[in-house]
Amino acid sequence: MAWDQKRKRDYNTMFAVHYEDGRSAYITVSPKLLEGGDHLVLSNARDRQQKGEIPEGTIKTVKRVR
């Protein structure tokens, strides 16, 4: 049996967080959060900044990657 048959599929959606200084970070968001729309991801990214999960800085845009 191949290793990829044992691996669970990741249903989260990836977003690129772009900062004003040109840096980027990537986050994944659960489908449950996206039920309210993609615009909620910006506030989620700011929450993650406060927790230290992504770098500090002014967020310019958040765009869906996949």
PDB file of N, CA and C in Angstrom:
ATOM      1  N   MET A   1       0.843  -1.176   0.000  1.00  0.00           N
ATOM      2  CA  MET A   1       0.000   0.000   0.000  1.00  0.00           C
ATOM      3  C   MET A   1       0.890   1.241   0.000  1.00  0.00           C
ATOM      4  N   ALA A   2       0.599   2.180  -0.864  1.00  0.00           N
ATOM      5  CA  ALA A   2       1.381   3.410  -0.957  1.00  0.00           C
ATOM      6  C   ALA A   2       1.092   4.312   0.233  1.00  0.00           C
ATOM      7  N   TRP A   3       2.063   5.124   0.611  1.00  0.00           N
ATOM      8  CA  TRP A   3       1.902   5.994   1.779  1.00  0.00           C
ATOM      9  C   TRP A   3       0.793   7.008   1.605  1.00  0.00           C
ATOM     10  N   ASP A   4       0.544   7.462   0.369  1.00  0.00           N
ATOM     11  CA  ASP A   4      -0.468   8.503   0.154  1.00  0.00           C
ATOM     12  C   ASP A   4      -1.896   7.979   0.311  1.00  0.00           C
ATOM     13  N   GLN A   5      -2.090   6.678   0.295  1.00  0.00           N
ATOM     14  CA  GLN A   5      -3.420   6.129   0.516  1.00  0.00           C
ATOM     15  C   GLN A   5      -3.803   6.186   1.989  1.00  0.00           C
ATOM     16  N   LYS A   6      -2.827   6.242   2.872  1.00  0.00           N
ATOM     17  CA  LYS A   6      -3.074   6.319   4.303  1.00  0.00           C
ATOM     18  C   LYS A   6      -3.278   7.761   4.769  1.00  0.00           C
ATOM     19  N   ARG A   7      -2.816   8.692   3.994  1.00  0.00           N
ATOM     20  CA  ARG A   7      -2.830  10.103   4.375  1.00  0.00           C
ATOM     21  C   ARG A   7      -4.221  10.699   4.177  1.00  0.00           C
ATOM     22  N   LYS A   8      -4.681  11.439   5.183  1.00  0.00           N
ATOM     23  CA  LYS A   8      -5.989  12.087   5.076  1.00  0.00           C
ATOM     24  C   LYS A   8      -5.905  13.293   4.151  1.00  0.00           C
ATOM     25  N   ARG A   9      -6.994  13.552   3.450  1.00  0.00           N
ATOM     26  CA  ARG A   9      -7.053  14.715   2.586  1.00  0.00           C
ATOM     27  C   ARG A   9      -7.235  15.957   3.441  1.00  0.00           C
ATOM     28  N   ASP A  10      -6.526  17.013   3.079  1.00  0.00           N
ATOM     29  CA  ASP A  10      -6.636  18.284   3.791  1.00  0.00           C
ATOM     30  C   ASP A  10      -7.714  19.118   3.103  1.00  0.00           C
ATOM     31  N   TYR A  11      -8.805  19.368   3.796  1.00  0.00           N
ATOM     32  CA  TYR A  11      -9.912  20.116   3.217  1.00  0.00           C
ATOM     33  C   TYR A  11      -9.810  21.614   3.478  1.00  0.00           C
ATOM     34  N   ASN A  12      -8.773  22.043   4.186  1.00  0.00           N
ATOM     35  CA  ASN A  12      -8.593  23.460   4.458  1.00  0.00           C
ATOM     36  C   ASN A  12      -8.210  24.200   3.186  1.00  0.00           C
ATOM     37  N   THR A  13      -8.467  25.496   3.184  1.00  0.00           N
ATOM     38  CA  THR A  13      -8.158  26.338   2.034  1.00  0.00           C
ATOM     39  C   THR A  13      -6.969  27.214   2.390  1.00  0.00           C
ATOM     40  N   MET A  14      -6.014  27.315   1.466  1.00  0.00           N
ATOM     41  CA  MET A  14      -4.816  28.099   1.707  1.00  0.00           C
ATOM     42  C   MET A  14      -5.008  29.536   1.231  1.00  0.00           C
ATOM     43  N   PHE A  15      -4.508  30.468   2.042  1.00  0.00           N
ATOM     44  CA  PHE A  15      -4.547  31.882   1.708  1.00  0.00           C
ATOM     45  C   PHE A  15      -3.150  32.463   1.840  1.00  0.00           C
ATOM     46  N   ALA A  16      -2.819  33.410   0.949  1.00  0.00           N
ATOM     47  CA  ALA A  16      -1.566  34.154   1.030  1.00  0.00           C
ATOM     48  C   ALA A  16      -1.857  35.481   1.705  1.00  0.00           C
ATOM     49  N   VAL A  17      -1.086  35.781   2.729  1.00  0.00           N
ATOM     50  CA  VAL A  17      -1.203  37.055   3.444  1.00  0.00           C
ATOM     51  C   VAL A  17      -0.063  37.931   2.949  1.00  0.00           C
ATOM     52  N   HIS A  18      -0.407  39.050   2.308  1.00  0.00           N
ATOM     53  CA  HIS A  18       0.599  39.961   1.758  1.00  0.00           C
ATOM     54  C   HIS A  18       0.692  41.197   2.654  1.00  0.00           C
ATOM     55  N   TYR A  19       1.930  41.546   2.994  1.00  0.00           N
ATOM     56  CA  TYR A  19       2.191  42.692   3.856  1.00  0.00           C
ATOM     57  C   TYR A  19       2.576  43.905   3.020  1.00  0.00           C
ATOM     58  N   GLU A  20       2.428  45.094   3.597  1.00  0.00           N
ATOM     59  CA  GLU A  20       2.768  46.324   2.883  1.00  0.00           C
ATOM     60  C   GLU A  20       4.245  46.418   2.531  1.00  0.00           C
ATOM     61  N   ASP A  21       5.109  45.778   3.327  1.00  0.00           N
ATOM     62  CA  ASP A  21       6.546  45.843   3.053  1.00  0.00           C
ATOM     63  C   ASP A  21       7.011  44.792   2.044  1.00  0.00           C
ATOM     64  N   GLY A  22       6.076  44.042   1.449  1.00  0.00           N
ATOM     65  CA  GLY A  22       6.414  43.078   0.403  1.00  0.00           C
ATOM     66  C   GLY A  22       6.537  41.640   0.865  1.00  0.00           C
ATOM     67  N   ARG A  23       6.518  41.400   2.163  1.00  0.00           N
ATOM     68  CA  ARG A  23       6.611  40.033   2.664  1.00  0.00           C
ATOM     69  C   ARG A  23       5.292  39.300   2.452  1.00  0.00           C
ATOM     70  N   SER A  24       5.357  37.976   2.539  1.00  0.00           N
ATOM     71  CA  SER A  24       4.162  37.138   2.426  1.00  0.00           C
ATOM     72  C   SER A  24       4.210  36.046   3.477  1.00  0.00           C
ATOM     73  N   ALA A  25       3.043  35.611   3.888  1.00  0.00           N
ATOM     74  CA  ALA A  25       2.902  34.461   4.785  1.00  0.00           C
ATOM     75  C   ALA A  25       1.730  33.653   4.271  1.00  0.00           C
ATOM     76  N   TYR A  26       1.674  32.398   4.632  1.00  0.00           N
ATOM     77  CA  TYR A  26       0.586  31.535   4.185  1.00  0.00           C
ATOM     78  C   TYR A  26      -0.134  30.958   5.391  1.00  0.00           C
ATOM     79  N   ILE A  27      -1.454  30.919   5.291  1.00  0.00           N
ATOM     80  CA  ILE A  27      -2.274  30.323   6.343  1.00  0.00           C
ATOM     81  C   ILE A  27      -3.294  29.403   5.695  1.00  0.00           C
ATOM     82  N   THR A  28      -3.751  28.430   6.454  1.00  0.00           N
ATOM     83  CA  THR A  28      -4.851  27.583   5.997  1.00  0.00           C
ATOM     84  C   THR A  28      -6.049  27.840   6.888  1.00  0.00           C
ATOM     85  N   VAL A  29      -7.220  27.809   6.264  1.00  0.00           N
ATOM     86  CA  VAL A  29      -8.455  28.140   6.963  1.00  0.00           C
ATOM     87  C   VAL A  29      -9.452  27.010   6.744  1.00  0.00           C
ATOM     88  N   SER A  30     -10.165  26.664   7.801  1.00  0.00           N
ATOM     89  CA  SER A  30     -11.129  25.568   7.719  1.00  0.00           C
ATOM     90  C   SER A  30     -12.362  25.985   6.921  1.00  0.00           C
ATOM     91  N   PRO A  31     -13.009  25.026   6.290  1.00  0.00           N
ATOM     92  CA  PRO A  31     -14.233  25.331   5.528  1.00  0.00           C
ATOM     93  C   PRO A  31     -15.334  25.929   6.411  1.00  0.00           C
ATOM     94  N   LYS A  32     -15.332  25.576   7.674  1.00  0.00           N
ATOM     95  CA  LYS A  32     -16.356  26.102   8.579  1.00  0.00           C
ATOM     96  C   LYS A  32     -16.250  27.618   8.703  1.00  0.00           C
ATOM     97  N   LEU A  33     -15.028  28.158   8.786  1.00  0.00           N
ATOM     98  CA  LEU A  33     -14.849  29.607   8.861  1.00  0.00           C
ATOM     99  C   LEU A  33     -15.253  30.266   7.552  1.00  0.00           C
ATOM    100  N   LEU A  34     -15.026  29.588   6.441  1.00  0.00           N
ATOM    101  CA  LEU A  34     -15.319  30.175   5.129  1.00  0.00           C
ATOM    102  C   LEU A  34     -16.803  30.184   4.790  1.00  0.00           C
ATOM    103  N   GLU A  35     -17.631  29.542   5.598  1.00  0.00           N
ATOM    104  CA  GLU A  35     -19.071  29.566   5.341  1.00  0.00           C
ATOM    105  C   GLU A  35     -19.604  30.995   5.357  1.00  0.00           C
ATOM    106  N   GLY A  36     -18.973  31.865   6.142  1.00  0.00           N
ATOM    107  CA  GLY A  36     -19.384  33.257   6.222  1.00  0.00           C
ATOM    108  C   GLY A  36     -18.800  34.117   5.115  1.00  0.00           C
ATOM    109  N   GLY A  37     -17.884  33.587   4.331  1.00  0.00           N
ATOM    110  CA  GLY A  37     -17.276  34.317   3.226  1.00  0.00           C
ATOM    111  C   GLY A  37     -15.783  34.527   3.431  1.00  0.00           C
ATOM    112  N   ASP A  38     -15.087  34.780   2.321  1.00  0.00           N
ATOM    113  CA  ASP A  38     -13.638  34.961   2.349  1.00  0.00           C
ATOM    114  C   ASP A  38     -13.225  36.223   3.107  1.00  0.00           C
ATOM    115  N   HIS A  39     -14.113  37.192   3.223  1.00  0.00           N
ATOM    116  CA  HIS A  39     -13.760  38.441   3.893  1.00  0.00           C
ATOM    117  C   HIS A  39     -13.446  38.229   5.382  1.00  0.00           C
ATOM    118  N   LEU A  40     -13.868  37.121   5.951  1.00  0.00           N
ATOM    119  CA  LEU A  40     -13.589  36.824   7.357  1.00  0.00           C
ATOM    120  C   LEU A  40     -12.143  36.388   7.591  1.00  0.00           C
ATOM    121  N   VAL A  41     -11.441  36.051   6.523  1.00  0.00           N
ATOM    122  CA  VAL A  41     -10.073  35.560   6.646  1.00  0.00           C
ATOM    123  C   VAL A  41      -9.134  36.671   7.112  1.00  0.00           C
ATOM    124  N   LEU A  42      -9.397  37.901   6.747  1.00  0.00           N
ATOM    125  CA  LEU A  42      -8.550  39.014   7.170  1.00  0.00           C
ATOM    126  C   LEU A  42      -8.539  39.142   8.694  1.00  0.00           C
ATOM    127  N   SER A  43      -9.692  39.068   9.317  1.00  0.00           N
ATOM    128  CA  SER A  43      -9.736  39.155  10.780  1.00  0.00           C
ATOM    129  C   SER A  43      -9.081  37.928  11.415  1.00  0.00           C
ATOM    130  N   ASN A  44      -9.214  36.767  10.767  1.00  0.00           N
ATOM    131  CA  ASN A  44      -8.559  35.561  11.260  1.00  0.00           C
ATOM    132  C   ASN A  44      -7.042  35.705  11.182  1.00  0.00           C
ATOM    133  N   ALA A  45      -6.553  36.321  10.103  1.00  0.00           N
ATOM    134  CA  ALA A  45      -5.112  36.545   9.961  1.00  0.00           C
ATOM    135  C   ALA A  45      -4.612  37.483  11.050  1.00  0.00           C
ATOM    136  N   ARG A  46      -5.371  38.508  11.375  1.00  0.00           N
ATOM    137  CA  ARG A  46      -4.971  39.431  12.448  1.00  0.00           C
ATOM    138  C   ARG A  46      -4.952  38.728  13.802  1.00  0.00           C
ATOM    139  N   ASP A  47      -5.922  37.837  14.023  1.00  0.00           N
ATOM    140  CA  ASP A  47      -5.928  37.047  15.261  1.00  0.00           C
ATOM    141  C   ASP A  47      -4.682  36.179  15.351  1.00  0.00           C
ATOM    142  N   ARG A  48      -4.293  35.604  14.228  1.00  0.00           N
ATOM    143  CA  ARG A  48      -3.100  34.752  14.202  1.00  0.00           C
ATOM    144  C   ARG A  48      -1.836  35.572  14.440  1.00  0.00           C
ATOM    145  N   GLN A  49      -1.835  36.832  13.999  1.00  0.00           N
ATOM    146  CA  GLN A  49      -0.699  37.707  14.281  1.00  0.00           C
ATOM    147  C   GLN A  49      -0.561  37.916  15.788  1.00  0.00           C
ATOM    148  N   GLN A  50      -1.665  38.157  16.448  1.00  0.00           N
ATOM    149  CA  GLN A  50      -1.632  38.396  17.891  1.00  0.00           C
ATOM    150  C   GLN A  50      -1.141  37.161  18.652  1.00  0.00           C
ATOM    151  N   LYS A  51      -1.440  35.986  18.129  1.00  0.00           N
ATOM    152  CA  LYS A  51      -0.994  34.742  18.755  1.00  0.00           C
ATOM    153  C   LYS A  51       0.457  34.405  18.409  1.00  0.00           C
ATOM    154  N   GLY A  52       1.025  35.114  17.429  1.00  0.00           N
ATOM    155  CA  GLY A  52       2.398  34.861  17.022  1.00  0.00           C
ATOM    156  C   GLY A  52       2.547  33.783  15.970  1.00  0.00           C
ATOM    157  N   GLU A  53       1.447  33.379  15.349  1.00  0.00           N
ATOM    158  CA  GLU A  53       1.496  32.308  14.342  1.00  0.00           C
ATOM    159  C   GLU A  53       2.016  32.804  12.998  1.00  0.00           C
ATOM    160  N   ILE A  54       1.790  34.091  12.697  1.00  0.00           N
ATOM    161  CA  ILE A  54       2.331  34.699  11.485  1.00  0.00           C
ATOM    162  C   ILE A  54       3.014  36.001  11.895  1.00  0.00           C
ATOM    163  N   PRO A  55       3.931  36.508  11.067  1.00  0.00           N
ATOM    164  CA  PRO A  55       4.700  37.701  11.435  1.00  0.00           C
ATOM    165  C   PRO A  55       3.834  38.944  11.636  1.00  0.00           C
ATOM    166  N   GLU A  56       4.336  39.834  12.483  1.00  0.00           N
ATOM    167  CA  GLU A  56       3.698  41.126  12.693  1.00  0.00           C
ATOM    168  C   GLU A  56       3.903  42.000  11.461  1.00  0.00           C
ATOM    169  N   GLY A  57       3.090  43.015  11.325  1.00  0.00           N
ATOM    170  CA  GLY A  57       3.190  43.951  10.210  1.00  0.00           C
ATOM    171  C   GLY A  57       1.811  44.302   9.707  1.00  0.00           C
ATOM    172  N   THR A  58       1.761  45.331   8.876  1.00  0.00           N
ATOM    173  CA  THR A  58       0.492  45.772   8.311  1.00  0.00           C
ATOM    174  C   THR A  58       0.108  44.872   7.150  1.00  0.00           C
ATOM    175  N   ILE A  59      -1.036  44.245   7.252  1.00  0.00           N
ATOM    176  CA  ILE A  59      -1.517  43.352   6.197  1.00  0.00           C
ATOM    177  C   ILE A  59      -2.163  44.181   5.100  1.00  0.00           C
ATOM    178  N   LYS A  60      -1.691  43.973   3.878  1.00  0.00           N
ATOM    179  CA  LYS A  60      -2.217  44.698   2.724  1.00  0.00           C
ATOM    180  C   LYS A  60      -3.390  43.948   2.105  1.00  0.00           C
ATOM    181  N   THR A  61      -3.179  42.656   1.800  1.00  0.00           N
ATOM    182  CA  THR A  61      -4.235  41.840   1.203  1.00  0.00           C
ATOM    183  C   THR A  61      -4.140  40.401   1.700  1.00  0.00           C
ATOM    184  N   VAL A  62      -5.251  39.710   1.568  1.00  0.00           N
ATOM    185  CA  VAL A  62      -5.314  38.271   1.836  1.00  0.00           C
ATOM    186  C   VAL A  62      -6.028  37.650   0.637  1.00  0.00           C
ATOM    187  N   LYS A  63      -5.350  36.752  -0.051  1.00  0.00           N
ATOM    188  CA  LYS A  63      -5.913  36.149  -1.264  1.00  0.00           C
ATOM    189  C   LYS A  63      -5.876  34.638  -1.193  1.00  0.00           C
ATOM    190  N   ARG A  64      -6.930  34.029  -1.719  1.00  0.00           N
ATOM    191  CA  ARG A  64      -7.053  32.572  -1.769  1.00  0.00           C
ATOM    192  C   ARG A  64      -6.022  32.004  -2.742  1.00  0.00           C
ATOM    193  N   VAL A  65      -5.332  30.941  -2.293  1.00  0.00           N
ATOM    194  CA  VAL A  65      -4.325  30.285  -3.139  1.00  0.00           C
ATOM    195  C   VAL A  65      -4.910  29.026  -3.766  1.00  0.00           C
ATOM    196  N   ARG A  66      -5.560  28.211  -2.958  1.00  0.00           N
ATOM    197  CA  ARG A  66      -6.178  26.995  -3.506  1.00  0.00           C
ATOM    198  C   ARG A  66      -7.454  26.701  -2.775  1.00  0.00           C
TER     199      ARG A  66
END
